[in-house]
Amino acid sequence: DVSAARLGQIDIAAREWIGLVAYRLAGRTRELLPGP
């Protein structure tokens, strides 16, 4: 694995986790981590 790819993974993951927290705090989702 190249370092740039791993940095890209962290960028994607950070955006998703921050989005999950932000939408939960804003009341736009009912769960922090929605599942099936």
PDB file of all heavy atoms in Angstrom:
ATOM      1  N   ASP A   1       0.831  -1.191   0.000  1.00  0.00           N
ATOM      2  CA  ASP A   1       0.000   0.000   0.000  1.00  0.00           C
ATOM      3  C   ASP A   1       0.872   1.251   0.000  1.00  0.00           C
ATOM      4  O   ASP A   1       1.870   1.335   0.716  1.00  0.00           O
ATOM      5  CB  ASP A   1      -0.911   0.035   1.232  1.00  0.00           C
ATOM      6  CG  ASP A   1      -1.985  -1.040   1.164  1.00  0.00           C
ATOM      7  OD1 ASP A   1      -2.219  -1.554   0.056  1.00  0.00           O
ATOM      8  OD2 ASP A   1      -2.571  -1.354   2.203  1.00  0.00           O
ATOM      9  N   VAL A   2       0.469   2.234  -0.786  1.00  0.00           N
ATOM     10  CA  VAL A   2       1.206   3.496  -0.810  1.00  0.00           C
ATOM     11  C   VAL A   2       0.619   4.444   0.217  1.00  0.00           C
ATOM     12  O   VAL A   2      -0.553   4.364   0.572  1.00  0.00           O
ATOM     13  CB  VAL A   2       1.163   4.126  -2.217  1.00  0.00           C
ATOM     14  CG1 VAL A   2       1.865   3.245  -3.222  1.00  0.00           C
ATOM     15  CG2 VAL A   2      -0.271   4.384  -2.663  1.00  0.00           C
ATOM     16  N   SER A   3       1.443   5.338   0.713  1.00  0.00           N
ATOM     17  CA  SER A   3       1.021   6.234   1.774  1.00  0.00           C
ATOM     18  C   SER A   3      -0.128   7.138   1.335  1.00  0.00           C
ATOM     19  O   SER A   3      -1.019   7.457   2.119  1.00  0.00           O
ATOM     20  CB  SER A   3       2.198   7.077   2.252  1.00  0.00           C
ATOM     21  OG  SER A   3       2.742   7.835   1.179  1.00  0.00           O
ATOM     22  N   ALA A   4      -0.111   7.585   0.069  1.00  0.00           N
ATOM     23  CA  ALA A   4      -1.158   8.486  -0.403  1.00  0.00           C
ATOM     24  C   ALA A   4      -2.531   7.826  -0.321  1.00  0.00           C
ATOM     25  O   ALA A   4      -3.528   8.479   0.010  1.00  0.00           O
ATOM     26  CB  ALA A   4      -0.864   8.914  -1.839  1.00  0.00           C
ATOM     27  N   ALA A   5      -2.606   6.536  -0.616  1.00  0.00           N
ATOM     28  CA  ALA A   5      -3.877   5.826  -0.546  1.00  0.00           C
ATOM     29  C   ALA A   5      -4.389   5.773   0.879  1.00  0.00           C
ATOM     30  O   ALA A   5      -5.574   5.913   1.147  1.00  0.00           O
ATOM     31  CB  ALA A   5      -3.728   4.419  -1.111  1.00  0.00           C
ATOM     32  N   ARG A   6      -3.493   5.581   1.825  1.00  0.00           N
ATOM     33  CA  ARG A   6      -3.909   5.523   3.231  1.00  0.00           C
ATOM     34  C   ARG A   6      -4.345   6.883   3.731  1.00  0.00           C
ATOM     35  O   ARG A   6      -5.285   6.994   4.518  1.00  0.00           O
ATOM     36  CB  ARG A   6      -2.772   4.972   4.071  1.00  0.00           C
ATOM     37  CG  ARG A   6      -2.499   3.512   3.766  1.00  0.00           C
ATOM     38  CD  ARG A   6      -1.422   2.953   4.645  1.00  0.00           C
ATOM     39  NE  ARG A   6      -1.165   1.568   4.287  1.00  0.00           N
ATOM     40  CZ  ARG A   6      -0.180   0.846   4.772  1.00  0.00           C
ATOM     41  NH1 ARG A   6       0.635   1.378   5.666  1.00  0.00           N
ATOM     42  NH2 ARG A   6      -0.003  -0.396   4.402  1.00  0.00           N
ATOM     43  N   LEU A   7      -3.691   7.920   3.294  1.00  0.00           N
ATOM     44  CA  LEU A   7      -4.130   9.256   3.658  1.00  0.00           C
ATOM     45  C   LEU A   7      -5.510   9.534   3.073  1.00  0.00           C
ATOM     46  O   LEU A   7      -6.349  10.191   3.701  1.00  0.00           O
ATOM     47  CB  LEU A   7      -3.120  10.298   3.168  1.00  0.00           C
ATOM     48  CG  LEU A   7      -1.768  10.318   3.881  1.00  0.00           C
ATOM     49  CD1 LEU A   7      -0.827  11.293   3.207  1.00  0.00           C
ATOM     50  CD2 LEU A   7      -1.941  10.678   5.350  1.00  0.00           C
ATOM     51  N   GLY A   8      -5.760   9.014   1.877  1.00  0.00           N
ATOM     52  CA  GLY A   8      -7.078   9.161   1.274  1.00  0.00           C
ATOM     53  C   GLY A   8      -8.145   8.440   2.079  1.00  0.00           C
ATOM     54  O   GLY A   8      -9.276   8.935   2.230  1.00  0.00           O
ATOM     55  N   GLN A   9      -7.818   7.267   2.613  1.00  0.00           N
ATOM     56  CA  GLN A   9      -8.759   6.532   3.452  1.00  0.00           C
ATOM     57  C   GLN A   9      -9.123   7.330   4.700  1.00  0.00           C
ATOM     58  O   GLN A   9     -10.292   7.399   5.100  1.00  0.00           O
ATOM     59  CB  GLN A   9      -8.166   5.183   3.855  1.00  0.00           C
ATOM     60  CG  GLN A   9      -8.092   4.162   2.744  1.00  0.00           C
ATOM     61  CD  GLN A   9      -7.500   2.850   3.226  1.00  0.00           C
ATOM     62  OE1 GLN A   9      -6.846   2.795   4.270  1.00  0.00           O
ATOM     63  NE2 GLN A   9      -7.721   1.790   2.476  1.00  0.00           N
ATOM     64  N   ILE A  10      -8.125   7.940   5.322  1.00  0.00           N
ATOM     65  CA  ILE A  10      -8.384   8.731   6.522  1.00  0.00           C
ATOM     66  C   ILE A  10      -9.236   9.949   6.185  1.00  0.00           C
ATOM     67  O   ILE A  10     -10.133  10.326   6.941  1.00  0.00           O
ATOM     68  CB  ILE A  10      -7.056   9.144   7.183  1.00  0.00           C
ATOM     69  CG1 ILE A  10      -6.381   7.911   7.779  1.00  0.00           C
ATOM     70  CG2 ILE A  10      -7.281  10.216   8.245  1.00  0.00           C
ATOM     71  CD1 ILE A  10      -5.055   8.185   8.432  1.00  0.00           C
ATOM     72  N   ASP A  11      -8.988  10.555   5.049  1.00  0.00           N
ATOM     73  CA  ASP A  11      -9.793  11.704   4.620  1.00  0.00           C
ATOM     74  C   ASP A  11     -11.260  11.307   4.466  1.00  0.00           C
ATOM     75  O   ASP A  11     -12.163  12.008   4.942  1.00  0.00           O
ATOM     76  CB  ASP A  11      -9.238  12.250   3.299  1.00  0.00           C
ATOM     77  CG  ASP A  11     -10.054  13.413   2.779  1.00  0.00           C
ATOM     78  OD1 ASP A  11     -10.093  14.454   3.458  1.00  0.00           O
ATOM     79  OD2 ASP A  11     -10.655  13.281   1.702  1.00  0.00           O
ATOM     80  N   ILE A  12     -11.508  10.173   3.807  1.00  0.00           N
ATOM     81  CA  ILE A  12     -12.880   9.695   3.614  1.00  0.00           C
ATOM     82  C   ILE A  12     -13.526   9.351   4.951  1.00  0.00           C
ATOM     83  O   ILE A  12     -14.663   9.754   5.248  1.00  0.00           O
ATOM     84  CB  ILE A  12     -12.889   8.462   2.691  1.00  0.00           C
ATOM     85  CG1 ILE A  12     -12.472   8.853   1.275  1.00  0.00           C
ATOM     86  CG2 ILE A  12     -14.273   7.809   2.676  1.00  0.00           C
ATOM     87  CD1 ILE A  12     -12.264   7.664   0.354  1.00  0.00           C
ATOM     88  N   ALA A  13     -12.791   8.605   5.783  1.00  0.00           N
ATOM     89  CA  ALA A  13     -13.338   8.178   7.063  1.00  0.00           C
ATOM     90  C   ALA A  13     -13.648   9.365   7.968  1.00  0.00           C
ATOM     91  O   ALA A  13     -14.696   9.403   8.627  1.00  0.00           O
ATOM     92  CB  ALA A  13     -12.370   7.218   7.748  1.00  0.00           C
ATOM     93  N   ALA A  14     -12.747  10.336   8.015  1.00  0.00           N
ATOM     94  CA  ALA A  14     -12.967  11.512   8.862  1.00  0.00           C
ATOM     95  C   ALA A  14     -14.207  12.266   8.424  1.00  0.00           C
ATOM     96  O   ALA A  14     -15.022  12.698   9.259  1.00  0.00           O
ATOM     97  CB  ALA A  14     -11.739  12.424   8.814  1.00  0.00           C
ATOM     98  N   ARG A  15     -14.394  12.421   7.118  1.00  0.00           N
ATOM     99  CA  ARG A  15     -15.576  13.124   6.619  1.00  0.00           C
ATOM    100  C   ARG A  15     -16.856  12.391   6.999  1.00  0.00           C
ATOM    101  O   ARG A  15     -17.842  13.020   7.418  1.00  0.00           O
ATOM    102  CB  ARG A  15     -15.484  13.273   5.098  1.00  0.00           C
ATOM    103  CG  ARG A  15     -16.655  14.060   4.503  1.00  0.00           C
ATOM    104  CD  ARG A  15     -16.451  14.337   3.028  1.00  0.00           C
ATOM    105  NE  ARG A  15     -16.428  13.131   2.229  1.00  0.00           N
ATOM    106  CZ  ARG A  15     -15.374  12.660   1.619  1.00  0.00           C
ATOM    107  NH1 ARG A  15     -14.207  13.285   1.734  1.00  0.00           N
ATOM    108  NH2 ARG A  15     -15.416  11.559   0.896  1.00  0.00           N
ATOM    109  N   GLU A  16     -16.847  11.067   6.902  1.00  0.00           N
ATOM    110  CA  GLU A  16     -18.059  10.302   7.227  1.00  0.00           C
ATOM    111  C   GLU A  16     -18.365  10.333   8.722  1.00  0.00           C
ATOM    112  O   GLU A  16     -19.516  10.528   9.124  1.00  0.00           O
ATOM    113  CB  GLU A  16     -17.906   8.854   6.750  1.00  0.00           C
ATOM    114  CG  GLU A  16     -17.986   8.695   5.249  1.00  0.00           C
ATOM    115  CD  GLU A  16     -19.276   9.247   4.660  1.00  0.00           C
ATOM    116  OE1 GLU A  16     -20.354   9.020   5.245  1.00  0.00           O
ATOM    117  OE2 GLU A  16     -19.196   9.925   3.624  1.00  0.00           O
ATOM    118  N   TRP A  17     -17.350  10.127   9.555  1.00  0.00           N
ATOM    119  CA  TRP A  17     -17.590  10.125  10.999  1.00  0.00           C
ATOM    120  C   TRP A  17     -18.024  11.499  11.488  1.00  0.00           C
ATOM    121  O   TRP A  17     -18.919  11.623  12.339  1.00  0.00           O
ATOM    122  CB  TRP A  17     -16.342   9.653  11.741  1.00  0.00           C
ATOM    123  CG  TRP A  17     -16.149   8.168  11.700  1.00  0.00           C
ATOM    124  CD1 TRP A  17     -15.184   7.480  11.023  1.00  0.00           C
ATOM    125  CD2 TRP A  17     -16.956   7.177  12.356  1.00  0.00           C
ATOM    126  NE1 TRP A  17     -15.331   6.127  11.205  1.00  0.00           N
ATOM    127  CE2 TRP A  17     -16.400   5.912  12.033  1.00  0.00           C
ATOM    128  CE3 TRP A  17     -18.062   7.232  13.182  1.00  0.00           C
ATOM    129  CZ2 TRP A  17     -16.945   4.720  12.507  1.00  0.00           C
ATOM    130  CZ3 TRP A  17     -18.612   6.046  13.665  1.00  0.00           C
ATOM    131  CH2 TRP A  17     -18.052   4.813  13.332  1.00  0.00           C
ATOM    132  N   ILE A  18     -17.398  12.547  10.976  1.00  0.00           N
ATOM    133  CA  ILE A  18     -17.817  13.902  11.349  1.00  0.00           C
ATOM    134  C   ILE A  18     -19.240  14.166  10.876  1.00  0.00           C
ATOM    135  O   ILE A  18     -20.063  14.757  11.600  1.00  0.00           O
ATOM    136  CB  ILE A  18     -16.838  14.946  10.763  1.00  0.00           C
ATOM    137  CG1 ILE A  18     -15.481  14.832  11.458  1.00  0.00           C
ATOM    138  CG2 ILE A  18     -17.399  16.354  10.909  1.00  0.00           C
ATOM    139  CD1 ILE A  18     -14.401  15.682  10.823  1.00  0.00           C
ATOM    140  N   GLY A  19     -19.565  13.710   9.663  1.00  0.00           N
ATOM    141  CA  GLY A  19     -20.926  13.880   9.150  1.00  0.00           C
ATOM    142  C   GLY A  19     -21.956  13.144   9.989  1.00  0.00           C
ATOM    143  O   GLY A  19     -23.047  13.663  10.261  1.00  0.00           O
ATOM    144  N   LEU A  20     -21.619  11.932  10.429  1.00  0.00           N
ATOM    145  CA  LEU A  20     -22.538  11.168  11.276  1.00  0.00           C
ATOM    146  C   LEU A  20     -22.811  11.890  12.594  1.00  0.00           C
ATOM    147  O   LEU A  20     -23.955  11.993  13.042  1.00  0.00           O
ATOM    148  CB  LEU A  20     -21.961   9.779  11.548  1.00  0.00           C
ATOM    149  CG  LEU A  20     -22.055   8.765  10.403  1.00  0.00           C
ATOM    150  CD1 LEU A  20     -21.140   7.584  10.661  1.00  0.00           C
ATOM    151  CD2 LEU A  20     -23.488   8.293  10.218  1.00  0.00           C
ATOM    152  N   VAL A  21     -21.758  12.389  13.217  1.00  0.00           N
ATOM    153  CA  VAL A  21     -21.924  13.102  14.477  1.00  0.00           C
ATOM    154  C   VAL A  21     -22.711  14.390  14.279  1.00  0.00           C
ATOM    155  O   VAL A  21     -23.639  14.709  15.047  1.00  0.00           O
ATOM    156  CB  VAL A  21     -20.542  13.403  15.099  1.00  0.00           C
ATOM    157  CG1 VAL A  21     -20.694  14.311  16.321  1.00  0.00           C
ATOM    158  CG2 VAL A  21     -19.840  12.114  15.491  1.00  0.00           C
ATOM    159  N   ALA A  22     -22.369  15.146  13.237  1.00  0.00           N
ATOM    160  CA  ALA A  22     -23.034  16.421  12.990  1.00  0.00           C
ATOM    161  C   ALA A  22     -24.522  16.231  12.696  1.00  0.00           C
ATOM    162  O   ALA A  22     -25.378  16.962  13.230  1.00  0.00           O
ATOM    163  CB  ALA A  22     -22.355  17.145  11.825  1.00  0.00           C
ATOM    164  N   TYR A  23     -24.861  15.254  11.864  1.00  0.00           N
ATOM    165  CA  TYR A  23     -26.272  15.024  11.535  1.00  0.00           C
ATOM    166  C   TYR A  23     -27.045  14.502  12.740  1.00  0.00           C
ATOM    167  O   TYR A  23     -28.218  14.821  12.925  1.00  0.00           O
ATOM    168  CB  TYR A  23     -26.382  14.048  10.365  1.00  0.00           C
ATOM    169  CG  TYR A  23     -26.181  14.682   9.011  1.00  0.00           C
ATOM    170  CD1 TYR A  23     -25.566  13.981   7.970  1.00  0.00           C
ATOM    171  CD2 TYR A  23     -26.614  15.967   8.756  1.00  0.00           C
ATOM    172  CE1 TYR A  23     -25.386  14.559   6.720  1.00  0.00           C
ATOM    173  CE2 TYR A  23     -26.439  16.551   7.511  1.00  0.00           C
ATOM    174  CZ  TYR A  23     -25.821  15.846   6.504  1.00  0.00           C
ATOM    175  OH  TYR A  23     -25.653  16.413   5.265  1.00  0.00           O
ATOM    176  N   ARG A  24     -26.383  13.709  13.586  1.00  0.00           N
ATOM    177  CA  ARG A  24     -27.072  13.234  14.786  1.00  0.00           C
ATOM    178  C   ARG A  24     -27.347  14.385  15.743  1.00  0.00           C
ATOM    179  O   ARG A  24     -28.443  14.504  16.296  1.00  0.00           O
ATOM    180  CB  ARG A  24     -26.222  12.155  15.483  1.00  0.00           C
ATOM    181  CG  ARG A  24     -26.884  11.592  16.734  1.00  0.00           C
ATOM    182  CD  ARG A  24     -28.152  10.827  16.369  1.00  0.00           C
ATOM    183  NE  ARG A  24     -28.896  10.424  17.545  1.00  0.00           N
ATOM    184  CZ  ARG A  24     -29.908  11.117  18.075  1.00  0.00           C
ATOM    185  NH1 ARG A  24     -30.281  12.271  17.528  1.00  0.00           N
ATOM    186  NH2 ARG A  24     -30.547  10.674  19.132  1.00  0.00           N
ATOM    187  N   LEU A  25     -26.367  15.254  15.947  1.00  0.00           N
ATOM    188  CA  LEU A  25     -26.553  16.402  16.830  1.00  0.00           C
ATOM    189  C   LEU A  25     -27.597  17.370  16.283  1.00  0.00           C
ATOM    190  O   LEU A  25     -28.320  18.016  17.052  1.00  0.00           O
ATOM    191  CB  LEU A  25     -25.219  17.130  17.030  1.00  0.00           C
ATOM    192  CG  LEU A  25     -24.143  16.372  17.805  1.00  0.00           C
ATOM    193  CD1 LEU A  25     -22.844  17.165  17.825  1.00  0.00           C
ATOM    194  CD2 LEU A  25     -24.610  16.054  19.218  1.00  0.00           C
ATOM    195  N   ALA A  26     -27.696  17.456  14.975  1.00  0.00           N
ATOM    196  CA  ALA A  26     -28.673  18.350  14.349  1.00  0.00           C
ATOM    197  C   ALA A  26     -30.067  17.733  14.274  1.00  0.00           C
ATOM    198  O   ALA A  26     -31.010  18.388  13.823  1.00  0.00           O
ATOM    199  CB  ALA A  26     -28.200  18.742  12.947  1.00  0.00           C
ATOM    200  N   GLY A  27     -30.192  16.453  14.679  1.00  0.00           N
ATOM    201  CA  GLY A  27     -31.487  15.791  14.636  1.00  0.00           C
ATOM    202  C   GLY A  27     -31.896  15.300  13.260  1.00  0.00           C
ATOM    203  O   GLY A  27     -33.060  14.970  13.040  1.00  0.00           O
ATOM    204  N   ARG A  28     -30.934  15.212  12.354  1.00  0.00           N
ATOM    205  CA  ARG A  28     -31.260  14.764  10.998  1.00  0.00           C
ATOM    206  C   ARG A  28     -31.195  13.253  10.850  1.00  0.00           C
ATOM    207  O   ARG A  28     -31.588  12.711   9.823  1.00  0.00           O
ATOM    208  CB  ARG A  28     -30.336  15.440   9.989  1.00  0.00           C
ATOM    209  CG  ARG A  28     -30.598  16.932   9.869  1.00  0.00           C
ATOM    210  CD  ARG A  28     -29.732  17.583   8.806  1.00  0.00           C
ATOM    211  NE  ARG A  28     -30.123  18.966   8.581  1.00  0.00           N
ATOM    212  CZ  ARG A  28     -29.548  19.776   7.704  1.00  0.00           C
ATOM    213  NH1 ARG A  28     -28.526  19.324   6.961  1.00  0.00           N
ATOM    214  NH2 ARG A  28     -29.971  21.010   7.545  1.00  0.00           N
ATOM    215  N   THR A  29     -30.655  12.565  11.826  1.00  0.00           N
ATOM    216  CA  THR A  29     -30.682  11.100  11.880  1.00  0.00           C
ATOM    217  C   THR A  29     -31.096  10.690  13.284  1.00  0.00           C
ATOM    218  O   THR A  29     -30.931  11.446  14.246  1.00  0.00           O
ATOM    219  CB  THR A  29     -29.309  10.478  11.550  1.00  0.00           C
ATOM    220  OG1 THR A  29     -28.330  10.982  12.458  1.00  0.00           O
ATOM    221  CG2 THR A  29     -28.898  10.794  10.119  1.00  0.00           C
ATOM    222  N   ARG A  30     -31.615   9.476  13.403  1.00  0.00           N
ATOM    223  CA  ARG A  30     -32.083   8.997  14.702  1.00  0.00           C
ATOM    224  C   ARG A  30     -31.013   8.248  15.474  1.00  0.00           C
ATOM    225  O   ARG A  30     -31.116   8.077  16.675  1.00  0.00           O
ATOM    226  CB  ARG A  30     -33.288   8.066  14.499  1.00  0.00           C
ATOM    227  CG  ARG A  30     -34.491   8.759  13.878  1.00  0.00           C
ATOM    228  CD  ARG A  30     -35.627   7.792  13.672  1.00  0.00           C
ATOM    229  NE  ARG A  30     -36.737   8.440  12.979  1.00  0.00           N
ATOM    230  CZ  ARG A  30     -37.461   7.862  12.038  1.00  0.00           C
ATOM    231  NH1 ARG A  30     -37.190   6.625  11.682  1.00  0.00           N
ATOM    232  NH2 ARG A  30     -38.450   8.512  11.466  1.00  0.00           N
ATOM    233  N   GLU A  31     -30.009   7.742  14.770  1.00  0.00           N
ATOM    234  CA  GLU A  31     -28.940   6.982  15.408  1.00  0.00           C
ATOM    235  C   GLU A  31     -27.593   7.557  14.984  1.00  0.00           C
ATOM    236  O   GLU A  31     -27.470   8.127  13.902  1.00  0.00           O
ATOM    237  CB  GLU A  31     -28.980   5.501  15.016  1.00  0.00           C
ATOM    238  CG  GLU A  31     -30.333   4.819  15.163  1.00  0.00           C
ATOM    239  CD  GLU A  31     -31.189   4.982  13.928  1.00  0.00           C
ATOM    240  OE1 GLU A  31     -30.636   5.019  12.829  1.00  0.00           O
ATOM    241  OE2 GLU A  31     -32.418   5.095  14.087  1.00  0.00           O
ATOM    242  N   LEU A  32     -26.607   7.380  15.851  1.00  0.00           N
ATOM    243  CA  LEU A  32     -25.270   7.842  15.497  1.00  0.00           C
ATOM    244  C   LEU A  32     -24.706   7.027  14.344  1.00  0.00           C
ATOM    245  O   LEU A  32     -24.097   7.580  13.425  1.00  0.00           O
ATOM    246  CB  LEU A  32     -24.348   7.736  16.712  1.00  0.00           C
ATOM    247  CG  LEU A  32     -22.877   8.117  16.465  1.00  0.00           C
ATOM    248  CD1 LEU A  32     -22.763   9.567  16.009  1.00  0.00           C
ATOM    249  CD2 LEU A  32     -22.051   7.884  17.724  1.00  0.00           C
ATOM    250  N   LEU A  33     -24.921   5.711  14.382  1.00  0.00           N
ATOM    251  CA  LEU A  33     -24.426   4.831  13.324  1.00  0.00           C
ATOM    252  C   LEU A  33     -25.577   3.938  12.853  1.00  0.00           C
ATOM    253  O   LEU A  33     -25.744   2.820  13.344  1.00  0.00           O
ATOM    254  CB  LEU A  33     -23.259   3.982  13.828  1.00  0.00           C
ATOM    255  CG  LEU A  33     -22.557   3.098  12.790  1.00  0.00           C
ATOM    256  CD1 LEU A  33     -21.959   3.945  11.668  1.00  0.00           C
ATOM    257  CD2 LEU A  33     -21.473   2.248  13.448  1.00  0.00           C
ATOM    258  N   PRO A  34     -26.406   4.435  11.944  1.00  0.00           N
ATOM    259  CA  PRO A  34     -27.552   3.636  11.472  1.00  0.00           C
ATOM    260  C   PRO A  34     -27.103   2.296  10.907  1.00  0.00           C
ATOM    261  O   PRO A  34     -26.049   2.178  10.282  1.00  0.00           O
ATOM    262  CB  PRO A  34     -28.154   4.527  10.375  1.00  0.00           C
ATOM    263  CG  PRO A  34     -27.741   5.914  10.753  1.00  0.00           C
ATOM    264  CD  PRO A  34     -26.369   5.769  11.343  1.00  0.00           C
ATOM    265  N   GLY A  35     -27.924   1.297  11.159  1.00  0.00           N
ATOM    266  CA  GLY A  35     -27.631  -0.044  10.668  1.00  0.00           C
ATOM    267  C   GLY A  35     -28.864  -0.696  10.096  1.00  0.00           C
ATOM    268  O   GLY A  35     -29.945  -0.090  10.032  1.00  0.00           O
ATOM    269  N   PRO A  36     -28.763  -1.949   9.670  1.00  0.00           N
ATOM    270  CA  PRO A  36     -29.902  -2.653   9.086  1.00  0.00           C
ATOM    271  C   PRO A  36     -31.055  -2.772  10.069  1.00  0.00           C
ATOM    272  O   PRO A  36     -30.870  -3.132  11.234  1.00  0.00           O
ATOM    273  CB  PRO A  36     -29.325  -4.038   8.735  1.00  0.00           C
ATOM    274  CG  PRO A  36     -27.857  -3.829   8.654  1.00  0.00           C
ATOM    275  CD  PRO A  36     -27.531  -2.755   9.652  1.00  0.00           C
TER     276      PRO A  36
END
